[in-house]
Amino acid sequence: MIDSVYLAVGLHEQVGSIKLKKILFFALVIFGAWHYYTKYMSNNNDLVYGSKTISYENKNNGSVTKPQSLSESKYQCDGRQYCSQMSSYEEAKYFNDHCPGTKMDGDADGIPCERQFGR
């Protein structure tokens, strides 16, 4: 009888230990995810949606940035992805830089449609 009591108490402690280990494991996973998010993902608050930044040199040889609204652009993303759908290098460059899913820069050097527009 006493042996069965010790066995039951030991089993209860073992189950409690397993639950505690699971809770600690999930707490560590949640903490790790939170730490990753705050360290790497929240550093992207310098991204501004709906505008781009244009740099130019002023007379004092310092770089000055001036925000320009994307609505001022004569191009807009309309689903085109290929060089054959572009009518100028400037249009291809805009689509490559601002629109998702373009397939115009095969060598990933930032210059789209190199053969078509001779760049």
Protein backbone atom coordinates (compact mmCIF):
# COMPACT_ATOMS: atom_id res chain seq x y z
CA MET A 1 0.00 0.00 0.00
CA ILE A 2 2.76 2.44 0.91
CA ASP A 3 4.62 1.56 -2.29
CA SER A 4 1.57 2.46 -4.36
CA VAL A 5 1.29 5.83 -2.58
CA TYR A 6 4.94 6.62 -3.33
CA LEU A 7 4.41 5.50 -6.92
CA ALA A 8 1.36 7.76 -7.29
CA VAL A 9 3.16 10.74 -5.71
CA GLY A 10 6.23 10.16 -7.90
CA LEU A 11 4.07 9.92 -11.02
CA HIS A 12 2.24 13.13 -10.07
CA GLU A 13 5.56 14.96 -9.58
CA GLN A 14 6.82 13.63 -12.92
CA VAL A 15 3.70 14.86 -14.77
CA GLY A 16 3.98 18.25 -13.06
CA SER A 17 7.64 18.45 -14.08
CA ILE A 18 6.78 17.74 -17.71
CA LYS A 19 4.08 20.45 -17.70
CA LEU A 20 6.52 22.92 -16.18
CA LYS A 21 9.12 22.08 -18.85
CA LYS A 22 6.54 22.64 -21.61
CA ILE A 23 5.51 25.98 -20.13
CA LEU A 24 9.15 27.08 -19.85
CA PHE A 25 9.85 25.94 -23.42
CA PHE A 26 6.92 27.90 -24.86
CA ALA A 27 7.81 30.94 -22.77
CA LEU A 28 11.34 30.85 -24.20
CA VAL A 29 10.01 30.51 -27.76
CA ILE A 30 7.65 33.45 -27.27
CA PHE A 31 10.42 35.54 -25.71
CA GLY A 32 12.77 34.67 -28.59
CA ALA A 33 10.18 35.64 -31.18
CA TRP A 34 9.46 38.91 -29.38
CA HIS A 35 13.19 39.68 -29.11
CA TYR A 36 13.73 38.94 -32.83
CA TYR A 37 10.78 41.14 -33.80
CA THR A 38 11.85 44.09 -31.67
CA LYS A 39 15.48 43.87 -32.77
CA TYR A 40 15.16 43.21 -36.50
CA MET A 41 11.64 43.99 -37.65
CA SER A 42 10.92 47.21 -35.82
CA ASN A 43 14.08 48.80 -37.24
CA ASN A 44 12.21 49.17 -40.52
CA ASN A 45 10.22 52.20 -39.33
CA ASP A 46 12.26 54.36 -41.67
CA LEU A 47 10.29 52.89 -44.58
CA VAL A 48 7.74 55.35 -45.82
CA TYR A 49 4.89 53.89 -47.82
CA GLY A 50 3.55 56.00 -50.63
CA SER A 51 6.61 58.19 -51.08
CA LYS A 52 10.20 57.88 -52.12
CA THR A 53 13.25 59.91 -51.24
CA ILE A 54 15.28 61.72 -53.88
CA SER A 55 18.79 62.87 -53.02
CA TYR A 56 20.57 65.74 -54.70
CA GLU A 57 23.64 67.82 -53.97
CA ASN A 58 23.16 71.36 -52.74
CA LYS A 59 25.62 74.23 -53.12
CA ASN A 60 27.28 73.40 -49.79
CA ASN A 61 28.28 69.95 -51.10
CA GLY A 62 26.01 68.28 -48.56
CA SER A 63 23.41 65.73 -49.49
CA VAL A 64 19.85 66.91 -49.01
CA THR A 65 16.84 64.67 -49.30
CA LYS A 66 13.49 65.78 -50.59
CA PRO A 67 10.44 63.49 -50.36
CA GLN A 68 8.50 63.09 -53.56
CA SER A 69 5.06 61.56 -53.60
CA LEU A 70 4.63 58.51 -55.80
CA SER A 71 1.43 60.04 -57.09
CA GLU A 72 3.60 62.64 -58.86
CA SER A 73 5.10 59.86 -61.00
CA LYS A 74 3.74 59.33 -64.48
CA TYR A 75 3.91 55.54 -63.98
CA GLN A 76 1.95 53.26 -61.70
CA CYS A 77 2.06 49.54 -60.98
CA ASP A 78 -0.53 47.86 -63.15
CA GLY A 79 0.63 44.26 -63.21
CA ARG A 80 3.11 44.45 -66.07
CA GLN A 81 6.23 42.37 -65.40
CA TYR A 82 8.19 41.86 -68.60
CA CYS A 83 10.48 44.01 -70.76
CA SER A 84 8.27 43.42 -73.78
CA GLN A 85 5.54 45.34 -71.96
CA MET A 86 7.70 48.44 -71.39
CA SER A 87 7.98 51.35 -73.81
CA SER A 88 11.06 53.07 -72.31
CA TYR A 89 13.99 52.44 -70.01
CA GLU A 90 12.60 54.93 -67.49
CA GLU A 91 9.32 53.03 -67.37
CA ALA A 92 11.14 49.72 -66.92
CA LYS A 93 13.32 51.23 -64.18
CA TYR A 94 10.25 52.55 -62.33
CA PHE A 95 8.47 49.19 -62.53
CA ASN A 96 11.59 47.31 -61.45
CA ASP A 97 12.15 49.60 -58.46
CA HIS A 98 8.57 50.07 -57.26
CA CYS A 99 6.38 47.18 -58.37
CA PRO A 100 6.31 43.62 -57.00
CA GLY A 101 6.94 40.54 -59.11
CA THR A 102 8.78 42.10 -62.04
CA LYS A 103 10.93 39.85 -64.21
CA MET A 104 13.08 42.43 -66.00
CA ASP A 105 16.45 42.21 -64.24
CA GLY A 106 17.80 38.73 -64.84
CA ASP A 107 21.27 39.38 -63.42
CA ALA A 108 19.96 41.40 -60.43
CA ASP A 109 22.26 44.36 -61.05
CA GLY A 110 19.46 46.93 -60.79
CA ILE A 111 19.40 47.66 -64.53
CA PRO A 112 16.23 46.29 -66.14
CA CYS A 113 15.81 45.32 -69.80
CA GLU A 114 19.50 45.73 -70.63
CA ARG A 115 19.28 44.13 -74.08
CA GLN A 116 16.05 45.85 -75.07
CA PHE A 117 17.17 49.38 -74.20
CA GLY A 118 20.92 48.94 -74.76
CA ARG A 119 22.06 49.70 -71.21
